[in-house]
PDB file of N, CA and C in Angstrom:
ATOM      1  N   MET A   1       2.422  11.233   7.113  1.00  0.00           N
ATOM      2  CA  MET A   1       2.154  12.136   6.013  1.00  0.00           C
ATOM      3  C   MET A   1       1.295  11.425   4.966  1.00  0.00           C
ATOM      4  N   LYS A   2       0.298  12.101   4.484  1.00  0.00           N
ATOM      5  CA  LYS A   2      -0.633  11.536   3.513  1.00  0.00           C
ATOM      6  C   LYS A   2      -0.106  11.797   2.099  1.00  0.00           C
ATOM      7  N   SER A   3       0.021  10.732   1.313  1.00  0.00           N
ATOM      8  CA  SER A   3       0.509  10.870  -0.059  1.00  0.00           C
ATOM      9  C   SER A   3      -0.645  11.091  -1.032  1.00  0.00           C
ATOM     10  N   LEU A   4      -0.286  11.326  -2.282  1.00  0.00           N
ATOM     11  CA  LEU A   4      -1.296  11.481  -3.337  1.00  0.00           C
ATOM     12  C   LEU A   4      -2.100  10.208  -3.560  1.00  0.00           C
ATOM     13  N   TYR A   5      -1.519   9.084  -3.207  1.00  0.00           N
ATOM     14  CA  TYR A   5      -2.146   7.779  -3.460  1.00  0.00           C
ATOM     15  C   TYR A   5      -2.960   7.254  -2.277  1.00  0.00           C
ATOM     16  N   PHE A   6      -2.868   7.924  -1.145  1.00  0.00           N
ATOM     17  CA  PHE A   6      -3.475   7.450   0.095  1.00  0.00           C
ATOM     18  C   PHE A   6      -4.952   7.097  -0.084  1.00  0.00           C
ATOM     19  N   ASP A   7      -5.720   8.030  -0.623  1.00  0.00           N
ATOM     20  CA  ASP A   7      -7.175   7.805  -0.739  1.00  0.00           C
ATOM     21  C   ASP A   7      -7.509   6.674  -1.704  1.00  0.00           C
ATOM     22  N   ALA A   8      -6.787   6.593  -2.821  1.00  0.00           N
ATOM     23  CA  ALA A   8      -7.041   5.514  -3.789  1.00  0.00           C
ATOM     24  C   ALA A   8      -6.715   4.151  -3.167  1.00  0.00           C
ATOM     25  N   ILE A   9      -5.627   4.099  -2.421  1.00  0.00           N
ATOM     26  CA  ILE A   9      -5.254   2.848  -1.766  1.00  0.00           C
ATOM     27  C   ILE A   9      -6.275   2.500  -0.685  1.00  0.00           C
ATOM     28  N   ARG A  10      -6.676   3.496   0.101  1.00  0.00           N
ATOM     29  CA  ARG A  10      -7.669   3.262   1.162  1.00  0.00           C
ATOM     30  C   ARG A  10      -8.977   2.730   0.586  1.00  0.00           C
ATOM     31  N   LEU A  11      -9.421   3.310  -0.515  1.00  0.00           N
ATOM     32  CA  LEU A  11     -10.667   2.850  -1.145  1.00  0.00           C
ATOM     33  C   LEU A  11     -10.531   1.414  -1.651  1.00  0.00           C
ATOM     34  N   GLU A  12      -9.387   1.087  -2.230  1.00  0.00           N
ATOM     35  CA  GLU A  12      -9.189  -0.273  -2.739  1.00  0.00           C
ATOM     36  C   GLU A  12      -9.077  -1.267  -1.591  1.00  0.00           C
ATOM     37  N   ILE A  13      -8.437  -0.877  -0.496  1.00  0.00           N
ATOM     38  CA  ILE A  13      -8.375  -1.739   0.693  1.00  0.00           C
ATOM     39  C   ILE A  13      -9.793  -2.056   1.158  1.00  0.00           C
ATOM     40  N   THR A  14     -10.629  -1.037   1.240  1.00  0.00           N
ATOM     41  CA  THR A  14     -12.018  -1.209   1.665  1.00  0.00           C
ATOM     42  C   THR A  14     -12.779  -2.096   0.685  1.00  0.00           C
ATOM     43  N   ARG A  15     -12.586  -1.860  -0.626  1.00  0.00           N
ATOM     44  CA  ARG A  15     -13.260  -2.655  -1.639  1.00  0.00           C
ATOM     45  C   ARG A  15     -12.893  -4.127  -1.521  1.00  0.00           C
ATOM     46  N   GLN A  16     -11.659  -4.396  -1.117  1.00  0.00           N
ATOM     47  CA  GLN A  16     -11.195  -5.769  -0.972  1.00  0.00           C
ATOM     48  C   GLN A  16     -11.548  -6.363   0.399  1.00  0.00           C
ATOM     49  N   GLY A  17     -12.254  -5.588   1.228  1.00  0.00           N
ATOM     50  CA  GLY A  17     -12.718  -6.098   2.511  1.00  0.00           C
ATOM     51  C   GLY A  17     -11.634  -6.223   3.564  1.00  0.00           C
ATOM     52  N   LYS A  18     -10.600  -5.430   3.450  1.00  0.00           N
ATOM     53  CA  LYS A  18      -9.466  -5.512   4.381  1.00  0.00           C
ATOM     54  C   LYS A  18      -9.379  -4.259   5.254  1.00  0.00           C
ATOM     55  N   VAL A  19     -10.518  -3.780   5.712  1.00  0.00           N
ATOM     56  CA  VAL A  19     -10.572  -2.591   6.554  1.00  0.00           C
ATOM     57  C   VAL A  19      -9.666  -2.800   7.765  1.00  0.00           C
ATOM     58  N   GLY A  20      -8.917  -1.778   8.095  1.00  0.00           N
ATOM     59  CA  GLY A  20      -7.995  -1.859   9.234  1.00  0.00           C
ATOM     60  C   GLY A  20      -6.542  -1.898   8.800  1.00  0.00           C
ATOM     61  N   ILE A  21      -6.305  -2.161   7.524  1.00  0.00           N
ATOM     62  CA  ILE A  21      -4.945  -2.126   6.988  1.00  0.00           C
ATOM     63  C   ILE A  21      -4.594  -0.661   6.710  1.00  0.00           C
ATOM     64  N   ASP A  22      -3.439  -0.232   7.171  1.00  0.00           N
ATOM     65  CA  ASP A  22      -3.006   1.149   6.992  1.00  0.00           C
ATOM     66  C   ASP A  22      -2.566   1.370   5.537  1.00  0.00           C
ATOM     67  N   PRO A  23      -3.178   2.312   4.839  1.00  0.00           N
ATOM     68  CA  PRO A  23      -2.795   2.585   3.445  1.00  0.00           C
ATOM     69  C   PRO A  23      -1.321   2.964   3.290  1.00  0.00           C
ATOM     70  N   ARG A  24      -0.741   3.601   4.301  1.00  0.00           N
ATOM     71  CA  ARG A  24       0.680   3.952   4.235  1.00  0.00           C
ATOM     72  C   ARG A  24       1.541   2.700   4.143  1.00  0.00           C
ATOM     73  N   HIS A  25       1.141   1.672   4.865  1.00  0.00           N
ATOM     74  CA  HIS A  25       1.892   0.418   4.850  1.00  0.00           C
ATOM     75  C   HIS A  25       1.810  -0.234   3.469  1.00  0.00           C
ATOM     76  N   VAL A  26       0.624  -0.233   2.906  1.00  0.00           N
ATOM     77  CA  VAL A  26       0.429  -0.821   1.571  1.00  0.00           C
ATOM     78  C   VAL A  26       1.247  -0.043   0.542  1.00  0.00           C
ATOM     79  N   GLU A  27       1.180   1.264   0.598  1.00  0.00           N
ATOM     80  CA  GLU A  27       1.940   2.073  -0.355  1.00  0.00           C
ATOM     81  C   GLU A  27       3.435   1.825  -0.239  1.00  0.00           C
ATOM     82  N   ALA A  28       3.927   1.693   0.970  1.00  0.00           N
ATOM     83  CA  ALA A  28       5.361   1.444   1.163  1.00  0.00           C
ATOM     84  C   ALA A  28       5.785   0.154   0.468  1.00  0.00           C
ATOM     85  N   TYR A  29       5.011  -0.904   0.626  1.00  0.00           N
ATOM     86  CA  TYR A  29       5.348  -2.162  -0.040  1.00  0.00           C
ATOM     87  C   TYR A  29       5.214  -2.028  -1.557  1.00  0.00           C
ATOM     88  N   MET A  30       4.253  -1.238  -2.016  1.00  0.00           N
ATOM     89  CA  MET A  30       4.124  -0.998  -3.453  1.00  0.00           C
ATOM     90  C   MET A  30       5.377  -0.310  -3.985  1.00  0.00           C
ATOM     91  N   ARG A  31       5.909   0.615  -3.208  1.00  0.00           N
ATOM     92  CA  ARG A  31       7.081   1.385  -3.641  1.00  0.00           C
ATOM     93  C   ARG A  31       8.362   0.560  -3.635  1.00  0.00           C
ATOM     94  N   LEU A  32       8.366  -0.547  -2.933  1.00  0.00           N
ATOM     95  CA  LEU A  32       9.526  -1.432  -3.008  1.00  0.00           C
ATOM     96  C   LEU A  32       9.688  -1.974  -4.427  1.00  0.00           C
ATOM     97  N   GLU A  33       8.588  -2.159  -5.119  1.00  0.00           N
ATOM     98  CA  GLU A  33       8.597  -2.708  -6.480  1.00  0.00           C
ATOM     99  C   GLU A  33       8.512  -1.623  -7.553  1.00  0.00           C
ATOM    100  N   HIS A  34       7.841  -0.516  -7.236  1.00  0.00           N
ATOM    101  CA  HIS A  34       7.587   0.538  -8.228  1.00  0.00           C
ATOM    102  C   HIS A  34       8.038   1.883  -7.684  1.00  0.00           C
ATOM    103  N   SER A  35       9.013   2.496  -8.327  1.00  0.00           N
ATOM    104  CA  SER A  35       9.492   3.799  -7.857  1.00  0.00           C
ATOM    105  C   SER A  35       8.417   4.874  -8.013  1.00  0.00           C
ATOM    106  N   THR A  36       7.569   4.721  -9.007  1.00  0.00           N
ATOM    107  CA  THR A  36       6.425   5.612  -9.168  1.00  0.00           C
ATOM    108  C   THR A  36       5.183   4.754  -9.428  1.00  0.00           C
ATOM    109  N   LEU A  37       4.075   5.203  -8.912  1.00  0.00           N
ATOM    110  CA  LEU A  37       2.834   4.447  -9.078  1.00  0.00           C
ATOM    111  C   LEU A  37       1.986   5.013 -10.217  1.00  0.00           C
ATOM    112  N   ASP A  38       2.419   6.136 -10.785  1.00  0.00           N
ATOM    113  CA  ASP A  38       1.671   6.790 -11.858  1.00  0.00           C
ATOM    114  C   ASP A  38       1.549   5.936 -13.108  1.00  0.00           C
ATOM    115  N   GLY A  39       2.527   5.081 -13.365  1.00  0.00           N
ATOM    116  CA  GLY A  39       2.534   4.306 -14.592  1.00  0.00           C
ATOM    117  C   GLY A  39       1.660   3.064 -14.567  1.00  0.00           C
ATOM    118  N   LEU A  40       1.080   2.768 -13.409  1.00  0.00           N
ATOM    119  CA  LEU A  40       0.238   1.576 -13.285  1.00  0.00           C
ATOM    120  C   LEU A  40      -1.165   1.846 -13.820  1.00  0.00           C
ATOM    121  N   THR A  41      -1.702   0.901 -14.552  1.00  0.00           N
ATOM    122  CA  THR A  41      -3.109   1.014 -14.946  1.00  0.00           C
ATOM    123  C   THR A  41      -3.962   0.808 -13.692  1.00  0.00           C
ATOM    124  N   ALA A  42      -5.239   1.104 -13.787  1.00  0.00           N
ATOM    125  CA  ALA A  42      -6.130   0.903 -12.637  1.00  0.00           C
ATOM    126  C   ALA A  42      -6.125  -0.560 -12.209  1.00  0.00           C
ATOM    127  N   LYS A  43      -6.148  -1.461 -13.171  1.00  0.00           N
ATOM    128  CA  LYS A  43      -6.132  -2.890 -12.866  1.00  0.00           C
ATOM    129  C   LYS A  43      -4.829  -3.287 -12.184  1.00  0.00           C
ATOM    130  N   GLN A  44      -3.704  -2.812 -12.695  1.00  0.00           N
ATOM    131  CA  GLN A  44      -2.408  -3.107 -12.084  1.00  0.00           C
ATOM    132  C   GLN A  44      -2.323  -2.527 -10.670  1.00  0.00           C
ATOM    133  N   PHE A  45      -2.803  -1.303 -10.511  1.00  0.00           N
ATOM    134  CA  PHE A  45      -2.788  -0.644  -9.207  1.00  0.00           C
ATOM    135  C   PHE A  45      -3.556  -1.471  -8.188  1.00  0.00           C
ATOM    136  N   ASN A  46      -4.759  -1.892  -8.550  1.00  0.00           N
ATOM    137  CA  ASN A  46      -5.594  -2.671  -7.639  1.00  0.00           C
ATOM    138  C   ASN A  46      -4.965  -4.024  -7.318  1.00  0.00           C
ATOM    139  N   GLU A  47      -4.326  -4.633  -8.293  1.00  0.00           N
ATOM    140  CA  GLU A  47      -3.640  -5.911  -8.061  1.00  0.00           C
ATOM    141  C   GLU A  47      -2.440  -5.715  -7.133  1.00  0.00           C
ATOM    142  N   GLU A  48      -1.722  -4.628  -7.311  1.00  0.00           N
ATOM    143  CA  GLU A  48      -0.585  -4.325  -6.429  1.00  0.00           C
ATOM    144  C   GLU A  48      -1.065  -4.083  -4.993  1.00  0.00           C
ATOM    145  N   VAL A  49      -2.199  -3.396  -4.848  1.00  0.00           N
ATOM    146  CA  VAL A  49      -2.754  -3.198  -3.505  1.00  0.00           C
ATOM    147  C   VAL A  49      -3.038  -4.559  -2.869  1.00  0.00           C
ATOM    148  N   LYS A  50      -3.641  -5.460  -3.623  1.00  0.00           N
ATOM    149  CA  LYS A  50      -3.964  -6.801  -3.116  1.00  0.00           C
ATOM    150  C   LYS A  50      -2.695  -7.529  -2.673  1.00  0.00           C
ATOM    151  N   ILE A  51      -1.680  -7.508  -3.506  1.00  0.00           N
ATOM    152  CA  ILE A  51      -0.414  -8.175  -3.186  1.00  0.00           C
ATOM    153  C   ILE A  51       0.217  -7.555  -1.943  1.00  0.00           C
ATOM    154  N   CYS A  52       0.197  -6.248  -1.870  1.00  0.00           N
ATOM    155  CA  CYS A  52       0.858  -5.557  -0.765  1.00  0.00           C
ATOM    156  C   CYS A  52       0.085  -5.672   0.547  1.00  0.00           C
ATOM    157  N   ILE A  53      -1.219  -5.848   0.479  1.00  0.00           N
ATOM    158  CA  ILE A  53      -1.984  -6.170   1.681  1.00  0.00           C
ATOM    159  C   ILE A  53      -1.473  -7.488   2.257  1.00  0.00           C
ATOM    160  N   ALA A  54      -1.279  -8.457   1.387  1.00  0.00           N
ATOM    161  CA  ALA A  54      -0.746  -9.757   1.825  1.00  0.00           C
ATOM    162  C   ALA A  54       0.641  -9.603   2.429  1.00  0.00           C
ATOM    163  N   CYS A  55       1.448  -8.721   1.860  1.00  0.00           N
ATOM    164  CA  CYS A  55       2.788  -8.471   2.414  1.00  0.00           C
ATOM    165  C   CYS A  55       2.697  -7.882   3.815  1.00  0.00           C
ATOM    166  N   VAL A  56       1.814  -6.912   3.997  1.00  0.00           N
ATOM    167  CA  VAL A  56       1.628  -6.298   5.315  1.00  0.00           C
ATOM    168  C   VAL A  56       1.182  -7.354   6.318  1.00  0.00           C
ATOM    169  N   GLU A  57       0.227  -8.169   5.931  1.00  0.00           N
ATOM    170  CA  GLU A  57      -0.282  -9.204   6.830  1.00  0.00           C
ATOM    171  C   GLU A  57       0.800 -10.229   7.171  1.00  0.00           C
ATOM    172  N   ALA A  58       1.625 -10.578   6.199  1.00  0.00           N
ATOM    173  CA  ALA A  58       2.672 -11.583   6.429  1.00  0.00           C
ATOM    174  C   ALA A  58       3.854 -11.022   7.215  1.00  0.00           C
ATOM    175  N   ASP A  59       4.191  -9.767   6.957  1.00  0.00           N
ATOM    176  CA  ASP A  59       5.386  -9.170   7.546  1.00  0.00           C
ATOM    177  C   ASP A  59       5.132  -8.561   8.923  1.00  0.00           C
ATOM    178  N   GLY A  60       3.887  -8.235   9.217  1.00  0.00           N
ATOM    179  CA  GLY A  60       3.541  -7.671  10.522  1.00  0.00           C
ATOM    180  C   GLY A  60       3.578  -6.155  10.537  1.00  0.00           C
ATOM    181  N   ILE A  61       2.858  -5.600  11.484  1.00  0.00           N
ATOM    182  CA  ILE A  61       2.688  -4.152  11.592  1.00  0.00           C
ATOM    183  C   ILE A  61       4.012  -3.446  11.884  1.00  0.00           C
ATOM    184  N   THR A  62       4.838  -4.003  12.740  1.00  0.00           N
ATOM    185  CA  THR A  62       6.100  -3.353  13.100  1.00  0.00           C
ATOM    186  C   THR A  62       6.987  -3.175  11.873  1.00  0.00           C
ATOM    187  N   ASN A  63       7.142  -4.226  11.099  1.00  0.00           N
ATOM    188  CA  ASN A  63       7.962  -4.131   9.887  1.00  0.00           C
ATOM    189  C   ASN A  63       7.312  -3.237   8.838  1.00  0.00           C
ATOM    190  N   ALA A  64       5.994  -3.307   8.714  1.00  0.00           N
ATOM    191  CA  ALA A  64       5.290  -2.465   7.750  1.00  0.00           C
ATOM    192  C   ALA A  64       5.445  -0.991   8.113  1.00  0.00           C
ATOM    193  N   GLU A  65       5.377  -0.676   9.390  1.00  0.00           N
ATOM    194  CA  GLU A  65       5.554   0.714   9.834  1.00  0.00           C
ATOM    195  C   GLU A  65       6.975   1.186   9.557  1.00  0.00           C
ATOM    196  N   SER A  66       7.948   0.330   9.800  1.00  0.00           N
ATOM    197  CA  SER A  66       9.350   0.694   9.492  1.00  0.00           C
ATOM    198  C   SER A  66       9.524   0.945   8.005  1.00  0.00           C
ATOM    199  N   CYS A  67       8.913   0.117   7.187  1.00  0.00           N
ATOM    200  CA  CYS A  67       8.988   0.285   5.735  1.00  0.00           C
ATOM    201  C   CYS A  67       8.339   1.610   5.327  1.00  0.00           C
ATOM    202  N   ALA A  68       7.173   1.914   5.877  1.00  0.00           N
ATOM    203  CA  ALA A  68       6.484   3.167   5.556  1.00  0.00           C
ATOM    204  C   ALA A  68       7.340   4.363   5.952  1.00  0.00           C
ATOM    205  N   LYS A  69       7.915   4.328   7.115  1.00  0.00           N
ATOM    206  CA  LYS A  69       8.761   5.440   7.571  1.00  0.00           C
ATOM    207  C   LYS A  69       9.976   5.607   6.677  1.00  0.00           C
ATOM    208  N   SER A  70      10.500   4.509   6.150  1.00  0.00           N
ATOM    209  CA  SER A  70      11.671   4.613   5.274  1.00  0.00           C
ATOM    210  C   SER A  70      11.345   5.349   3.976  1.00  0.00           C
ATOM    211  N   PHE A  71      10.080   5.385   3.596  1.00  0.00           N
ATOM    212  CA  PHE A  71       9.633   6.127   2.421  1.00  0.00           C
ATOM    213  C   PHE A  71       9.050   7.497   2.785  1.00  0.00           C
ATOM    214  N   GLY A  72       9.144   7.855   4.046  1.00  0.00           N
ATOM    215  CA  GLY A  72       8.619   9.139   4.487  1.00  0.00           C
ATOM    216  C   GLY A  72       7.105   9.191   4.574  1.00  0.00           C
ATOM    217  N   LEU A  73       6.497   8.035   4.727  1.00  0.00           N
ATOM    218  CA  LEU A  73       5.025   7.954   4.805  1.00  0.00           C
ATOM    219  C   LEU A  73       4.555   7.907   6.243  1.00  0.00           C
TER     220      LEU A  73
END
């Protein structure tokens, strides 16, 4: 399921040169820290995407997919 944040996360992933990372996975890791993403400034949002890309890469696709599914993504 595509969230409201999917496109913004996808664009930031691309801007950071990490094409191939699933935006759902990044959003799931973001939601572990932030119950809502609306309160983040653009700078904070982009920094969270960067951090969560690293989490996806470190934790692996299987765990990232499980995390995304746990948030209904």
